[in-house]
Amino acid sequence: MSKPNFHAMSQKELHDYVLAHREDQEGFYAYVDKLHVEGNWIEMPPLQSEQDLENYPKFIERIRSSSEPRDGAV
């Protein structure tokens, strides 16, 4: 069995691959590297309470927008 081209895979494809092939460390590291390069996360310190979320409006907006159905999906 030949190894997939991890560099050509999208972040979603790598995510799915790593979940399906949890023993493949090379795939895992390729996924983590892609996450680091794309840097599409929001960093924030640990929350002390639920009220702390009010201090992170960008985070709240991102959660809300990522939880909305896309392309007519339910």
N, C-alpha and C. Protein backbone atom coordinates (compact mmCIF):
# COMPACT_ATOMS: atom_id res chain seq x y z
N MET A 1 0.84 -1.18 0.00
CA MET A 1 0.00 0.00 0.00
C MET A 1 0.89 1.24 0.00
N SER A 2 0.62 2.17 -0.92
CA SER A 2 1.42 3.38 -0.98
C SER A 2 0.83 4.46 -0.08
N LYS A 3 1.72 5.32 0.40
CA LYS A 3 1.30 6.41 1.29
C LYS A 3 0.64 7.52 0.46
N PRO A 4 -0.39 8.14 0.99
CA PRO A 4 -1.00 9.26 0.30
C PRO A 4 -0.07 10.47 0.32
N ASN A 5 -0.32 11.41 -0.58
CA ASN A 5 0.45 12.64 -0.64
C ASN A 5 -0.16 13.61 0.36
N PHE A 6 0.40 13.66 1.56
CA PHE A 6 -0.16 14.49 2.63
C PHE A 6 -0.12 15.97 2.29
N HIS A 7 0.91 16.39 1.56
CA HIS A 7 1.04 17.81 1.23
C HIS A 7 -0.04 18.28 0.26
N ALA A 8 -0.57 17.38 -0.53
CA ALA A 8 -1.61 17.74 -1.49
C ALA A 8 -3.01 17.69 -0.88
N MET A 9 -3.11 17.12 0.32
CA MET A 9 -4.42 16.98 0.96
C MET A 9 -4.83 18.27 1.66
N SER A 10 -6.13 18.53 1.67
CA SER A 10 -6.65 19.68 2.41
C SER A 10 -6.64 19.36 3.90
N GLN A 11 -6.86 20.38 4.69
CA GLN A 11 -6.92 20.18 6.14
C GLN A 11 -8.03 19.18 6.49
N LYS A 12 -9.18 19.31 5.86
CA LYS A 12 -10.31 18.40 6.12
C LYS A 12 -9.95 16.97 5.71
N GLU A 13 -9.32 16.81 4.54
CA GLU A 13 -8.92 15.48 4.08
C GLU A 13 -7.92 14.84 5.05
N LEU A 14 -6.96 15.64 5.51
CA LEU A 14 -5.99 15.12 6.48
C LEU A 14 -6.67 14.74 7.79
N HIS A 15 -7.59 15.57 8.22
CA HIS A 15 -8.34 15.29 9.45
C HIS A 15 -9.05 13.94 9.33
N ASP A 16 -9.75 13.75 8.23
CA ASP A 16 -10.47 12.49 8.01
C ASP A 16 -9.50 11.31 7.92
N TYR A 17 -8.37 11.52 7.25
CA TYR A 17 -7.39 10.45 7.12
C TYR A 17 -6.85 10.04 8.49
N VAL A 18 -6.48 11.04 9.31
CA VAL A 18 -5.92 10.74 10.63
C VAL A 18 -6.93 10.00 11.50
N LEU A 19 -8.20 10.38 11.41
CA LEU A 19 -9.22 9.66 12.19
C LEU A 19 -9.37 8.22 11.71
N ALA A 20 -9.23 8.00 10.42
CA ALA A 20 -9.38 6.64 9.88
C ALA A 20 -8.11 5.80 10.05
N HIS A 21 -6.96 6.46 10.20
CA HIS A 21 -5.67 5.76 10.31
C HIS A 21 -4.91 6.28 11.52
N ARG A 22 -5.46 6.06 12.68
CA ARG A 22 -4.91 6.61 13.92
C ARG A 22 -3.49 6.14 14.22
N GLU A 23 -3.08 5.03 13.65
CA GLU A 23 -1.74 4.50 13.91
C GLU A 23 -0.68 5.15 13.04
N ASP A 24 -1.07 5.94 12.03
CA ASP A 24 -0.14 6.54 11.08
C ASP A 24 0.42 7.85 11.64
N GLN A 25 1.60 7.77 12.24
CA GLN A 25 2.21 8.96 12.84
C GLN A 25 2.61 9.99 11.79
N GLU A 26 3.05 9.53 10.63
CA GLU A 26 3.44 10.46 9.57
C GLU A 26 2.24 11.31 9.14
N GLY A 27 1.08 10.68 9.01
CA GLY A 27 -0.13 11.41 8.66
C GLY A 27 -0.53 12.38 9.75
N PHE A 28 -0.39 11.95 11.01
CA PHE A 28 -0.72 12.82 12.14
C PHE A 28 0.17 14.06 12.14
N TYR A 29 1.48 13.86 11.97
CA TYR A 29 2.39 15.00 11.99
C TYR A 29 2.15 15.92 10.79
N ALA A 30 1.79 15.36 9.65
CA ALA A 30 1.46 16.19 8.49
C ALA A 30 0.23 17.05 8.80
N TYR A 31 -0.75 16.46 9.49
CA TYR A 31 -1.96 17.19 9.87
C TYR A 31 -1.62 18.33 10.84
N VAL A 32 -0.83 18.03 11.86
CA VAL A 32 -0.45 19.06 12.83
C VAL A 32 0.35 20.16 12.16
N ASP A 33 1.26 19.79 11.25
CA ASP A 33 2.03 20.80 10.52
C ASP A 33 1.11 21.71 9.71
N LYS A 34 0.10 21.12 9.05
CA LYS A 34 -0.83 21.91 8.25
C LYS A 34 -1.64 22.84 9.15
N LEU A 35 -2.06 22.37 10.31
CA LEU A 35 -2.77 23.23 11.25
C LEU A 35 -1.90 24.42 11.66
N HIS A 36 -0.64 24.14 11.90
CA HIS A 36 0.28 25.20 12.31
C HIS A 36 0.49 26.22 11.19
N VAL A 37 0.67 25.74 9.97
CA VAL A 37 0.92 26.63 8.83
C VAL A 37 -0.30 27.48 8.53
N GLU A 38 -1.48 26.86 8.50
CA GLU A 38 -2.69 27.60 8.17
C GLU A 38 -3.11 28.53 9.29
N GLY A 39 -2.80 28.17 10.52
CA GLY A 39 -3.06 29.03 11.66
C GLY A 39 -4.45 29.63 11.69
N ASN A 40 -5.46 28.82 11.46
CA ASN A 40 -6.83 29.32 11.42
C ASN A 40 -7.56 29.08 12.74
N TRP A 41 -6.89 29.35 13.83
CA TRP A 41 -7.51 29.21 15.14
C TRP A 41 -7.35 30.54 15.89
N ILE A 42 -8.08 30.67 16.93
CA ILE A 42 -8.00 31.86 17.77
C ILE A 42 -7.42 31.43 19.11
N GLU A 43 -6.30 32.05 19.48
CA GLU A 43 -5.68 31.72 20.75
C GLU A 43 -6.27 32.58 21.86
N MET A 44 -6.47 31.98 22.99
CA MET A 44 -6.97 32.70 24.15
C MET A 44 -6.56 31.97 25.41
N PRO A 45 -6.40 32.68 26.51
CA PRO A 45 -6.04 32.02 27.75
C PRO A 45 -7.20 31.19 28.28
N PRO A 46 -6.94 30.27 29.19
CA PRO A 46 -8.02 29.46 29.75
C PRO A 46 -9.08 30.34 30.42
N LEU A 47 -10.31 29.94 30.28
CA LEU A 47 -11.41 30.68 30.89
C LEU A 47 -11.52 30.33 32.37
N GLN A 48 -11.88 31.30 33.15
CA GLN A 48 -12.09 31.08 34.57
C GLN A 48 -13.56 30.87 34.89
N SER A 49 -14.43 31.37 33.99
CA SER A 49 -15.88 31.21 34.17
C SER A 49 -16.56 31.38 32.81
N GLU A 50 -17.84 31.06 32.75
CA GLU A 50 -18.59 31.24 31.50
C GLU A 50 -18.67 32.72 31.11
N GLN A 51 -18.67 33.59 32.08
CA GLN A 51 -18.75 35.02 31.80
C GLN A 51 -17.49 35.51 31.08
N ASP A 52 -16.38 34.80 31.22
CA ASP A 52 -15.16 35.17 30.51
C ASP A 52 -15.34 35.14 29.00
N LEU A 53 -16.28 34.34 28.51
CA LEU A 53 -16.52 34.27 27.07
C LEU A 53 -16.92 35.62 26.50
N GLU A 54 -17.51 36.47 27.30
CA GLU A 54 -17.90 37.80 26.83
C GLU A 54 -16.68 38.63 26.42
N ASN A 55 -15.51 38.27 26.88
CA ASN A 55 -14.28 38.98 26.53
C ASN A 55 -13.70 38.55 25.19
N TYR A 56 -14.32 37.58 24.55
CA TYR A 56 -13.80 37.03 23.30
C TYR A 56 -14.88 37.01 22.22
N PRO A 57 -15.30 38.18 21.74
CA PRO A 57 -16.38 38.22 20.75
C PRO A 57 -16.02 37.53 19.43
N LYS A 58 -14.72 37.59 19.02
CA LYS A 58 -14.32 36.91 17.79
C LYS A 58 -14.50 35.40 17.93
N PHE A 59 -14.18 34.88 19.09
CA PHE A 59 -14.32 33.45 19.34
C PHE A 59 -15.80 33.05 19.29
N ILE A 60 -16.65 33.82 19.95
CA ILE A 60 -18.08 33.54 19.97
C ILE A 60 -18.64 33.56 18.54
N GLU A 61 -18.26 34.57 17.77
CA GLU A 61 -18.74 34.67 16.38
C GLU A 61 -18.29 33.47 15.55
N ARG A 62 -17.06 33.04 15.76
CA ARG A 62 -16.55 31.89 15.01
C ARG A 62 -17.32 30.62 15.36
N ILE A 63 -17.60 30.43 16.63
CA ILE A 63 -18.37 29.25 17.06
C ILE A 63 -19.76 29.30 16.45
N ARG A 64 -20.39 30.46 16.50
CA ARG A 64 -21.74 30.58 15.94
C ARG A 64 -21.74 30.33 14.44
N SER A 65 -20.78 30.88 13.72
CA SER A 65 -20.77 30.72 12.28
C SER A 65 -20.40 29.28 11.87
N SER A 66 -19.57 28.61 12.66
CA SER A 66 -19.19 27.25 12.30
C SER A 66 -20.30 26.24 12.65
N SER A 67 -21.22 26.64 13.51
CA SER A 67 -22.28 25.70 13.88
C SER A 67 -23.53 25.85 13.01
N GLU A 68 -23.54 26.87 12.12
CA GLU A 68 -24.69 27.04 11.21
C GLU A 68 -24.57 26.05 10.07
N PRO A 69 -25.70 25.48 9.63
CA PRO A 69 -25.66 24.57 8.49
C PRO A 69 -25.19 25.28 7.23
N ARG A 70 -24.41 24.59 6.42
CA ARG A 70 -23.91 25.16 5.17
C ARG A 70 -24.43 24.37 3.98
N ASP A 71 -24.61 25.04 2.88
CA ASP A 71 -25.04 24.42 1.63
C ASP A 71 -26.30 23.58 1.80
N GLY A 72 -27.22 24.05 2.58
CA GLY A 72 -28.48 23.34 2.74
C GLY A 72 -28.37 22.09 3.60
N ALA A 73 -27.21 21.86 4.20
CA ALA A 73 -27.06 20.67 5.05
C ALA A 73 -27.81 20.88 6.36
N VAL A 74 -28.29 19.80 6.91
CA VAL A 74 -29.02 19.88 8.17
C VAL A 74 -28.22 19.23 9.25
